[in-house]
Amino acid sequence: MNMTKYLRNLMIIAASLNVSMVSADNTHQTDEFLTENNVVKLGVTDLSFHRATGAVVANILERMGFTVIRSFDPHKDNFAHLRSGEIDMIASAWLPSSHGVYKKSVEELTPTRELGLHYEPYALWGVPDYIPESEVSTISDLLKPAVKEKMTPTIQGIGAGAGITRFSIRMMDEYTLTDAGYKFKTGTQEQCVAAFEDAVAEKRWIIVPLWHPQFLHSRYKIRELTDPKNLLGGKDRAVLLARQDSLDRLFSADEIKQLDSIKLSNKIVAELDYAINRENKTEDEAAEAWLNANNKRMSWIINNHYSLPKPKIMTIDASLSDHKMEEMKVAAQNYAAFWDTGQIRYAKKTLATDFIDLNLPKGRKQGPQGPIDASNWFRSVVPDLRSEFEEMIIVDNKVILRLRFSGHFTGQLGEMDGKGQAISFSAVDMYTIVDGKIKTNWHLEDNETLMKQLNQ
């Protein structure tokens, strides 16, 4: 091989991946980069079954081409964030009973719209089915002396902002349960579940303030107690609740129709919740698996939209908050999607307008347009270029990505005409993420391996 020619072509390869070559076709892309807004901020109530539903919605939005930033907060806080515009939508709002008072607060300031029907939740007080129904079938039965002797007096609930908690506190008063010696405690979902499962393991009598859908129903037989005073609120509709101004700004009419067509069920959400709590799946893993397993049911979204790539291996700094981790992960996923597809919209979603290449080669245009031009140029050399997302490491404000590019050399590179040679080479990127955008990138490509493959 002529070494001078080899080195010259190696320099061209480096330029194809790193150097901006502006053409008349993309002279306006920088302005478009600055103005496009395709980020959806999704508030999710920080309970596992809400996380499950939120993951399904986020997955679908990503397949529709949106960047989704999820935040996880208690019920009341999510609605406050919706009211202030910190988030665009909530998955899921229970209406009209459980979260109706919160929705009313939002609509005092801005109109909202309900989309889809994720499931039909309702609150309940239940007991394990080994407690005889002849002795305990209604909440009023809890006042019987014989029942009080056997029943665990502490009723362990969840967070203060939950509908079931608000209903339960009122029931303690209306049914005179506090006077009878019972005590209602707020806490976490984990504390509520643990209190129930510990009692069942010991065959103790216990009351559990619960709801449908919830994964405990998949494992235990829990008998609902009747509520003669009708204080539990009845059956709600769990919906995607969005600010109307966010819908107008972010979505087309057809896209809104798609969001409105998302319909799950109590059974589906309980299955997802069980996968999270008992099969050690993350909410995203459970949602992805369910969507892919229900291709026919969800074909309108599964078959027609690209899903953001997910790394084979992911390591996350445990000190990061869920919101920070999600923000950084999505930023990196969008940049990986840009290199996988060549679609400029993914780069526009994730690169900061003052993006800086930390190892800028001579002649490259600095800023977010540089990677776009580099991708366009290299895809003229390797039109079927794909990028496999092998590993992601998230620590502090940094994300490190390991990618593997593959395809076939069918274009022209300098003096070389492609003959369909297969290529496969690695690259490493290290991003600094600021406010959900890639501010800087240090990168290294294995151009020597690539050059050897092109010269085969």
Protein backbone atom coordinates (compact mmCIF):
# COMPACT_ATOMS: atom_id res chain seq x y z
CA MET A 1 0.00 0.00 0.00
CA ASN A 2 1.22 3.53 -0.80
CA MET A 3 1.80 5.01 2.70
CA THR A 4 1.45 8.62 1.54
CA LYS A 5 -1.92 7.87 -0.04
CA TYR A 6 -2.96 5.92 3.07
CA LEU A 7 -2.15 8.80 5.40
CA ARG A 8 -3.87 11.31 3.13
CA ASN A 9 -7.06 9.26 3.12
CA LEU A 10 -6.80 8.76 6.88
CA MET A 11 -6.79 12.55 7.27
CA ILE A 12 -9.89 12.74 5.06
CA ILE A 13 -11.63 10.18 7.31
CA ALA A 14 -10.78 12.26 10.35
CA ALA A 15 -12.25 15.27 8.62
CA SER A 16 -15.41 13.38 7.72
CA LEU A 17 -16.12 12.69 11.37
CA ASN A 18 -14.84 15.91 12.90
CA VAL A 19 -14.61 18.75 10.41
CA SER A 20 -17.51 20.94 9.30
CA MET A 21 -17.90 21.18 5.52
CA VAL A 22 -20.69 23.72 5.02
CA SER A 23 -22.69 23.49 1.82
CA ALA A 24 -25.44 25.57 0.31
CA ASP A 25 -27.97 22.92 1.33
CA ASN A 26 -27.54 23.57 5.04
CA THR A 27 -26.67 27.24 5.34
CA HIS A 28 -29.93 27.87 7.19
CA GLN A 29 -29.70 24.92 9.54
CA THR A 30 -28.00 26.87 12.32
CA ASP A 31 -30.92 29.31 12.60
CA GLU A 32 -33.36 26.39 12.63
CA PHE A 33 -31.22 24.77 15.33
CA LEU A 34 -31.63 27.79 17.56
CA THR A 35 -35.42 27.94 17.36
CA GLU A 36 -36.72 24.35 17.41
CA ASN A 37 -38.38 23.25 20.64
CA ASN A 38 -39.22 19.57 20.84
CA VAL A 39 -38.80 18.83 24.54
CA VAL A 40 -41.72 17.51 26.62
CA LYS A 41 -41.49 17.88 30.39
CA LEU A 42 -43.48 15.04 31.94
CA GLY A 43 -44.38 15.04 35.63
CA VAL A 44 -44.78 11.59 37.19
CA THR A 45 -46.12 10.91 40.68
CA ASP A 46 -43.38 9.15 42.61
CA LEU A 47 -45.14 5.81 43.16
CA SER A 48 -44.26 2.66 41.24
CA PHE A 49 -47.54 2.25 39.35
CA HIS A 50 -47.46 5.93 38.32
CA ARG A 51 -43.85 5.43 37.22
CA ALA A 52 -44.99 2.44 35.14
CA THR A 53 -47.65 4.47 33.34
CA GLY A 54 -45.28 7.42 32.97
CA ALA A 55 -42.69 5.13 31.36
CA VAL A 56 -45.25 3.92 28.79
CA VAL A 57 -46.17 7.53 27.94
CA ALA A 58 -42.49 8.58 27.78
CA ASN A 59 -41.62 5.63 25.54
CA ILE A 60 -44.42 6.50 23.15
CA LEU A 61 -43.47 10.20 23.09
CA GLU A 62 -39.86 9.25 22.31
CA ARG A 63 -41.01 6.99 19.48
CA MET A 64 -42.96 9.97 18.17
CA GLY A 65 -39.67 11.90 18.02
CA PHE A 66 -39.85 13.99 21.18
CA THR A 67 -37.27 14.43 23.89
CA VAL A 68 -38.89 13.60 27.24
CA ILE A 69 -37.61 14.92 30.55
CA ARG A 70 -39.33 13.18 33.45
CA SER A 71 -39.53 14.55 36.99
CA PHE A 72 -40.78 12.51 39.95
CA ASP A 73 -42.63 14.25 42.77
CA PRO A 74 -45.55 13.76 45.19
CA HIS A 75 -49.09 14.23 43.87
CA LYS A 76 -49.67 17.78 45.04
CA ASP A 77 -46.23 19.02 43.93
CA ASN A 78 -46.76 17.70 40.40
CA PHE A 79 -49.94 19.73 40.00
CA ALA A 80 -48.17 22.82 41.39
CA HIS A 81 -45.49 22.32 38.73
CA LEU A 82 -48.16 21.95 36.05
CA ARG A 83 -49.77 25.17 37.24
CA SER A 84 -46.47 27.08 37.12
CA GLY A 85 -45.47 25.67 33.71
CA GLU A 86 -42.44 23.78 35.05
CA ILE A 87 -43.91 20.67 33.42
CA ASP A 88 -46.14 20.27 30.36
CA MET A 89 -48.21 17.26 31.46
CA ILE A 90 -48.81 14.73 34.24
CA ALA A 91 -49.01 10.95 33.98
CA SER A 92 -51.47 10.19 35.38
CA ALA A 93 -54.15 12.43 36.90
CA TRP A 94 -57.01 10.66 38.72
CA LEU A 95 -60.20 12.51 37.92
CA PRO A 96 -62.66 13.65 39.03
CA SER A 97 -62.34 12.56 42.67
CA SER A 98 -58.76 11.91 43.81
CA HIS A 99 -56.96 14.76 42.05
CA GLY A 100 -59.90 16.95 41.09
CA VAL A 101 -59.07 19.57 43.72
CA TYR A 102 -55.52 19.85 42.34
CA LYS A 103 -56.75 20.15 38.74
CA LYS A 104 -59.08 22.95 39.79
CA SER A 105 -56.09 24.86 41.19
CA VAL A 106 -54.24 24.51 37.86
CA GLU A 107 -57.25 25.70 35.85
CA GLU A 108 -57.54 28.83 37.95
CA LEU A 109 -54.44 29.93 36.02
CA THR A 110 -54.39 28.01 32.72
CA PRO A 111 -56.66 25.64 30.74
CA THR A 112 -55.88 21.92 30.70
CA ARG A 113 -56.89 18.97 28.56
CA GLU A 114 -57.41 15.32 29.48
CA LEU A 115 -55.97 12.77 27.05
CA GLY A 116 -56.39 9.00 26.83
CA LEU A 117 -57.64 6.60 29.47
CA HIS A 118 -54.72 4.87 31.14
CA TYR A 119 -56.89 2.92 33.60
CA GLU A 120 -59.87 3.33 35.93
CA PRO A 121 -58.52 3.58 39.47
CA TYR A 122 -60.42 3.53 42.71
CA ALA A 123 -59.48 3.65 46.38
CA LEU A 124 -60.41 0.95 48.87
CA TRP A 125 -59.89 -0.34 52.37
CA GLY A 126 -59.23 -4.06 52.36
CA VAL A 127 -58.36 -6.99 54.59
CA PRO A 128 -56.64 -10.33 53.85
CA ASP A 129 -59.18 -12.94 52.81
CA TYR A 130 -58.29 -15.20 55.76
CA ILE A 131 -60.25 -12.77 57.97
CA PRO A 132 -63.80 -14.20 57.95
CA GLU A 133 -66.23 -12.15 55.91
CA SER A 134 -68.90 -12.98 58.44
CA GLU A 135 -66.93 -10.93 60.98
CA VAL A 136 -65.53 -8.13 58.79
CA SER A 137 -67.28 -7.13 55.57
CA THR A 138 -67.84 -3.40 56.05
CA ILE A 139 -65.87 -0.55 57.57
CA SER A 140 -68.47 -0.26 60.32
CA ASP A 141 -67.57 -3.81 61.42
CA LEU A 142 -64.20 -2.48 62.62
CA LEU A 143 -66.02 -1.03 65.63
CA LYS A 144 -67.17 -4.44 66.89
CA PRO A 145 -65.45 -5.30 70.21
CA ALA A 146 -64.47 -8.79 68.97
CA VAL A 147 -62.93 -7.32 65.81
CA LYS A 148 -61.04 -4.58 67.70
CA GLU A 149 -59.43 -7.24 69.89
CA LYS A 150 -57.93 -9.03 66.88
CA MET A 151 -57.30 -6.19 64.43
CA THR A 152 -53.91 -4.43 64.22
CA PRO A 153 -54.76 -0.92 65.43
CA THR A 154 -52.30 0.93 63.16
CA ILE A 155 -53.51 1.56 59.61
CA GLN A 156 -50.40 2.30 57.53
CA GLY A 157 -51.04 4.62 54.59
CA ILE A 158 -48.92 6.35 51.95
CA GLY A 159 -48.11 10.02 51.29
CA ALA A 160 -50.23 12.87 52.60
CA GLY A 161 -51.15 14.19 49.13
CA ALA A 162 -52.60 10.91 47.83
CA GLY A 163 -56.36 10.63 47.36
CA ILE A 164 -56.51 7.41 49.40
CA THR A 165 -54.77 9.21 52.27
CA ARG A 166 -57.13 12.18 52.22
CA PHE A 167 -60.13 9.85 52.08
CA SER A 168 -58.74 7.66 54.88
CA ILE A 169 -58.13 10.58 57.24
CA ARG A 170 -61.74 11.65 56.78
CA MET A 171 -62.96 8.09 57.32
CA MET A 172 -61.12 7.89 60.63
CA ASP A 173 -63.29 10.74 61.86
CA GLU A 174 -66.59 9.91 60.11
CA TYR A 175 -66.55 6.28 61.26
CA THR A 176 -65.22 7.25 64.77
CA LEU A 177 -62.28 4.89 64.29
CA THR A 178 -59.84 7.13 66.14
CA ASP A 179 -62.12 7.14 69.18
CA ALA A 180 -62.24 3.33 68.91
CA GLY A 181 -58.44 3.12 69.24
CA TYR A 182 -57.32 2.90 65.61
CA LYS A 183 -54.50 5.11 64.31
CA PHE A 184 -53.89 6.14 60.71
CA LYS A 185 -50.25 6.80 59.74
CA THR A 186 -48.97 8.46 56.57
CA GLY A 187 -45.76 7.12 55.04
CA THR A 188 -44.36 5.67 51.85
CA GLN A 189 -45.78 3.04 49.53
CA GLU A 190 -42.98 0.74 50.68
CA GLN A 191 -44.05 1.15 54.33
CA CYS A 192 -47.67 0.44 53.44
CA VAL A 193 -46.75 -2.70 51.49
CA ALA A 194 -44.34 -3.92 54.18
CA ALA A 195 -46.91 -3.48 56.95
CA PHE A 196 -49.43 -5.57 55.00
CA GLU A 197 -47.01 -8.31 53.94
CA ASP A 198 -45.54 -8.64 57.44
CA ALA A 199 -49.03 -9.07 58.88
CA VAL A 200 -49.98 -11.64 56.22
CA ALA A 201 -46.80 -13.62 56.93
CA GLU A 202 -47.90 -13.84 60.57
CA LYS A 203 -51.61 -14.28 59.74
CA ARG A 204 -52.40 -11.17 61.75
CA TRP A 205 -55.56 -9.20 61.15
CA ILE A 206 -54.81 -5.93 59.38
CA ILE A 207 -56.52 -3.16 57.41
CA VAL A 208 -54.75 -1.92 54.27
CA PRO A 209 -55.72 1.38 52.59
CA LEU A 210 -55.12 0.53 48.95
CA TRP A 211 -56.20 1.19 45.40
CA HIS A 212 -56.60 -0.43 42.02
CA PRO A 213 -54.35 -0.90 40.09
CA GLN A 214 -51.65 -2.04 42.53
CA PHE A 215 -49.29 -5.01 42.37
CA LEU A 216 -50.38 -6.51 45.72
CA HIS A 217 -53.63 -7.58 44.02
CA SER A 218 -51.55 -9.78 41.69
CA ARG A 219 -50.17 -11.75 44.63
CA TYR A 220 -52.71 -11.67 47.46
CA LYS A 221 -56.44 -12.09 47.83
CA ILE A 222 -57.56 -8.83 49.39
CA ARG A 223 -61.24 -8.42 50.19
CA GLU A 224 -62.65 -4.93 49.83
CA LEU A 225 -64.68 -3.55 52.73
CA THR A 226 -67.90 -1.80 51.84
CA ASP A 227 -68.04 1.92 52.56
CA PRO A 228 -71.63 2.80 53.61
CA LYS A 229 -70.82 6.50 53.86
CA ASN A 230 -69.28 6.56 50.33
CA LEU A 231 -66.16 8.39 51.48
CA LEU A 232 -63.68 6.63 49.17
CA GLY A 233 -64.52 8.73 46.13
CA GLY A 234 -65.76 6.09 43.72
CA LYS A 235 -64.11 5.14 40.43
CA ASP A 236 -61.81 7.69 38.74
CA ARG A 237 -60.33 8.03 35.25
CA ALA A 238 -56.54 8.02 35.09
CA VAL A 239 -55.58 10.32 32.21
CA LEU A 240 -52.69 12.25 30.75
CA LEU A 241 -53.39 15.80 31.94
CA ALA A 242 -51.69 18.48 29.83
CA ARG A 243 -51.57 22.25 29.78
CA GLN A 244 -53.41 23.42 26.68
CA ASP A 245 -50.69 25.96 25.87
CA SER A 246 -48.09 23.15 25.92
CA LEU A 247 -50.18 21.04 23.56
CA ASP A 248 -50.57 24.01 21.20
CA ARG A 249 -46.83 24.70 21.28
CA LEU A 250 -45.47 21.16 20.99
CA PHE A 251 -47.92 18.95 19.11
CA SER A 252 -49.80 18.74 15.84
CA ALA A 253 -53.48 17.79 15.80
CA ASP A 254 -52.60 14.26 14.67
CA GLU A 255 -50.04 13.85 17.45
CA ILE A 256 -52.61 14.96 20.03
CA LYS A 257 -55.00 12.33 18.63
CA GLN A 258 -52.29 9.72 19.09
CA LEU A 259 -51.78 10.68 22.73
CA ASP A 260 -55.54 10.61 23.22
CA SER A 261 -55.64 7.05 21.89
CA ILE A 262 -53.38 5.64 24.63
CA LYS A 263 -55.64 3.22 26.48
CA LEU A 264 -54.39 0.74 29.05
CA SER A 265 -56.32 -0.93 31.91
CA ASN A 266 -56.13 -1.71 35.61
CA LYS A 267 -54.87 -5.20 34.76
CA ILE A 268 -52.12 -3.95 32.45
CA VAL A 269 -50.85 -1.36 34.93
CA ALA A 270 -50.96 -3.90 37.79
CA GLU A 271 -48.82 -6.25 35.65
CA LEU A 272 -46.32 -3.47 34.96
CA ASP A 273 -46.28 -2.57 38.65
CA TYR A 274 -45.64 -6.22 39.56
CA ALA A 275 -42.72 -6.38 37.10
CA ILE A 276 -41.17 -3.36 38.79
CA ASN A 277 -41.74 -4.44 42.39
CA ARG A 278 -41.30 -8.19 42.19
CA GLU A 279 -39.35 -8.94 38.99
CA ASN A 280 -36.66 -6.29 39.57
CA LYS A 281 -37.32 -4.47 36.31
CA THR A 282 -36.98 -0.73 35.94
CA GLU A 283 -40.11 1.08 34.84
CA ASP A 284 -38.53 1.67 31.42
CA GLU A 285 -37.67 -2.00 31.00
CA ALA A 286 -41.21 -3.02 31.99
CA ALA A 287 -42.79 -0.46 29.62
CA GLU A 288 -40.53 -1.37 26.68
CA ALA A 289 -41.19 -5.09 27.16
CA TRP A 290 -44.95 -4.58 27.36
CA LEU A 291 -45.09 -2.30 24.32
CA ASN A 292 -43.04 -4.70 22.22
CA ALA A 293 -45.09 -7.70 23.42
CA ASN A 294 -48.30 -5.89 22.44
CA ASN A 295 -47.24 -4.88 18.96
CA LYS A 296 -50.66 -5.51 17.44
CA ARG A 297 -52.51 -3.54 20.13
CA MET A 298 -50.09 -0.60 19.88
CA SER A 299 -49.10 -0.92 16.23
CA TRP A 300 -49.97 2.70 15.48
CA ILE A 301 -46.96 3.74 17.56
CA ILE A 302 -44.69 0.68 17.60
CA ASN A 303 -44.36 0.32 13.84
CA ASN A 304 -44.28 3.94 12.79
CA HIS A 305 -41.82 5.62 15.14
CA TYR A 306 -38.14 5.35 15.98
CA SER A 307 -37.27 4.57 19.60
CA LEU A 308 -34.33 6.31 21.25
CA PRO A 309 -31.40 3.89 21.52
CA LYS A 310 -30.65 2.34 24.88
CA PRO A 311 -27.15 1.32 26.02
CA LYS A 312 -26.28 -2.33 26.51
CA ILE A 313 -24.44 -1.36 29.69
CA MET A 314 -25.28 1.63 31.90
CA THR A 315 -23.48 2.82 35.04
CA ILE A 316 -25.00 5.68 37.06
CA ASP A 317 -23.61 7.79 39.89
CA ALA A 318 -25.85 6.85 42.84
CA SER A 319 -25.64 10.38 44.26
CA LEU A 320 -27.57 11.84 41.31
CA SER A 321 -31.29 12.58 41.72
CA ASP A 322 -33.74 10.72 39.48
CA HIS A 323 -34.52 13.96 37.65
CA LYS A 324 -30.84 14.79 37.03
CA MET A 325 -30.07 11.27 35.89
CA GLU A 326 -33.05 11.23 33.52
CA GLU A 327 -32.13 14.64 32.09
CA MET A 328 -28.54 13.58 31.37
CA LYS A 329 -29.52 10.16 30.02
CA VAL A 330 -32.02 11.62 27.54
CA ALA A 331 -29.51 14.21 26.31
CA ALA A 332 -27.00 11.46 25.55
CA GLN A 333 -29.65 9.19 23.99
CA ASN A 334 -30.66 11.93 21.58
CA TYR A 335 -27.09 12.47 20.44
CA ALA A 336 -26.68 8.70 19.98
CA ALA A 337 -29.92 8.73 17.96
CA PHE A 338 -28.52 11.53 15.79
CA TRP A 339 -25.49 9.43 14.86
CA ASP A 340 -27.61 6.29 14.44
CA THR A 341 -30.12 7.87 12.06
CA GLY A 342 -28.48 10.99 10.63
CA GLN A 343 -31.66 12.91 11.48
CA ILE A 344 -30.74 16.46 12.37
CA ARG A 345 -33.69 16.93 14.72
CA TYR A 346 -32.01 14.74 17.36
CA ALA A 347 -28.88 16.91 17.35
CA LYS A 348 -31.04 20.02 17.60
CA LYS A 349 -32.84 18.63 20.63
CA THR A 350 -29.72 17.92 22.61
CA LEU A 351 -26.83 20.22 21.63
CA ALA A 352 -26.65 23.56 23.43
CA THR A 353 -26.72 26.60 21.18
CA ASP A 354 -23.24 27.47 22.50
CA PHE A 355 -21.97 23.89 22.17
CA ILE A 356 -18.16 23.56 22.16
CA ASP A 357 -16.02 20.80 20.67
CA LEU A 358 -13.14 20.45 23.13
CA ASN A 359 -10.76 18.81 20.65
CA LEU A 360 -11.66 20.85 17.59
CA PRO A 361 -9.56 19.85 14.54
CA LYS A 362 -8.10 22.51 12.31
CA GLY A 363 -10.68 23.85 9.87
CA ARG A 364 -13.72 22.68 11.74
CA LYS A 365 -16.58 25.09 12.35
CA GLN A 366 -17.16 25.42 16.08
CA GLY A 367 -20.68 25.08 17.46
CA PRO A 368 -23.68 22.76 17.00
CA GLN A 369 -23.61 22.96 13.21
CA GLY A 370 -20.23 21.19 13.07
CA PRO A 371 -21.45 17.68 14.01
CA ILE A 372 -24.43 18.06 11.66
CA ASP A 373 -22.16 18.87 8.72
CA ALA A 374 -19.78 16.05 9.67
CA SER A 375 -22.62 13.53 9.79
CA ASN A 376 -24.00 14.67 6.43
CA TRP A 377 -20.58 14.37 4.82
CA PHE A 378 -19.71 10.97 6.24
CA ARG A 379 -23.11 9.58 5.26
CA SER A 380 -22.29 10.44 1.66
CA VAL A 381 -19.38 8.03 2.09
CA VAL A 382 -21.26 5.38 4.12
CA PRO A 383 -24.98 5.90 3.32
CA ASP A 384 -26.19 3.02 5.52
CA LEU A 385 -24.23 4.16 8.57
CA ARG A 386 -25.65 2.96 11.90
CA SER A 387 -24.44 3.51 15.43
CA GLU A 388 -24.78 0.86 18.16
CA PHE A 389 -25.03 2.20 21.71
CA GLU A 390 -22.68 -0.06 23.66
CA GLU A 391 -22.14 1.68 27.00
CA MET A 392 -23.13 4.77 29.00
CA ILE A 393 -21.56 6.09 32.20
CA ILE A 394 -23.25 8.98 34.04
CA VAL A 395 -21.31 10.71 36.80
CA ASP A 396 -21.55 14.24 38.23
CA ASN A 397 -22.35 16.42 35.17
CA LYS A 398 -20.58 14.13 32.70
CA VAL A 399 -21.83 11.38 30.39
CA ILE A 400 -19.39 9.01 28.69
CA LEU A 401 -20.62 7.06 25.67
CA ARG A 402 -19.04 4.15 23.87
CA LEU A 403 -20.45 3.73 20.36
CA ARG A 404 -19.80 1.30 17.53
CA PHE A 405 -20.38 2.51 13.98
CA SER A 406 -21.07 0.10 11.13
CA GLY A 407 -22.15 0.20 7.51
CA HIS A 408 -20.81 -0.21 3.98
CA PHE A 409 -18.48 2.01 1.98
CA THR A 410 -20.40 2.69 -1.23
CA GLY A 411 -19.65 6.40 -1.70
CA GLN A 412 -16.47 8.25 -2.56
CA LEU A 413 -13.68 9.26 -0.18
CA GLY A 414 -10.96 11.37 -1.75
CA GLU A 415 -9.51 9.19 -4.52
CA MET A 416 -11.22 6.05 -3.21
CA ASP A 417 -14.45 4.68 -4.67
CA GLY A 418 -16.38 2.41 -2.34
CA LYS A 419 -16.99 -1.19 -3.35
CA GLY A 420 -19.36 -2.10 -0.53
CA GLN A 421 -16.63 -2.81 2.02
CA ALA A 422 -18.06 -3.49 5.49
CA ILE A 423 -16.91 -1.13 8.19
CA SER A 424 -17.07 -1.40 11.99
CA PHE A 425 -15.20 0.93 14.32
CA SER A 426 -15.52 2.35 17.82
CA ALA A 427 -15.83 5.88 19.16
CA VAL A 428 -15.88 7.38 22.64
CA ASP A 429 -17.60 10.65 23.57
CA MET A 430 -17.48 12.51 26.88
CA TYR A 431 -20.18 15.17 27.32
CA THR A 432 -20.69 17.91 29.86
CA ILE A 433 -24.45 18.31 30.40
CA VAL A 434 -25.88 21.67 31.51
CA ASP A 435 -29.65 22.13 31.90
CA GLY A 436 -30.35 19.00 29.88
CA LYS A 437 -28.19 20.05 26.91
CA ILE A 438 -24.75 18.90 25.76
CA LYS A 439 -22.49 21.88 26.46
CA THR A 440 -19.15 20.32 25.52
CA ASN A 441 -17.90 17.12 23.89
CA TRP A 442 -14.51 15.46 23.93
CA HIS A 443 -14.42 12.59 21.45
CA LEU A 444 -12.10 9.98 20.00
CA GLU A 445 -12.72 7.83 16.91
CA ASP A 446 -10.76 4.73 15.87
CA ASN A 447 -10.00 6.15 12.43
CA GLU A 448 -7.01 3.87 11.81
CA THR A 449 -9.20 0.74 12.06
CA LEU A 450 -11.73 2.36 9.76
CA MET A 451 -9.07 3.24 7.22
CA LYS A 452 -7.80 -0.34 7.10
CA GLN A 453 -11.32 -1.59 6.45
CA LEU A 454 -11.88 0.93 3.64
CA ASN A 455 -8.65 -0.17 1.94
CA GLN A 456 -9.61 -3.85 1.87
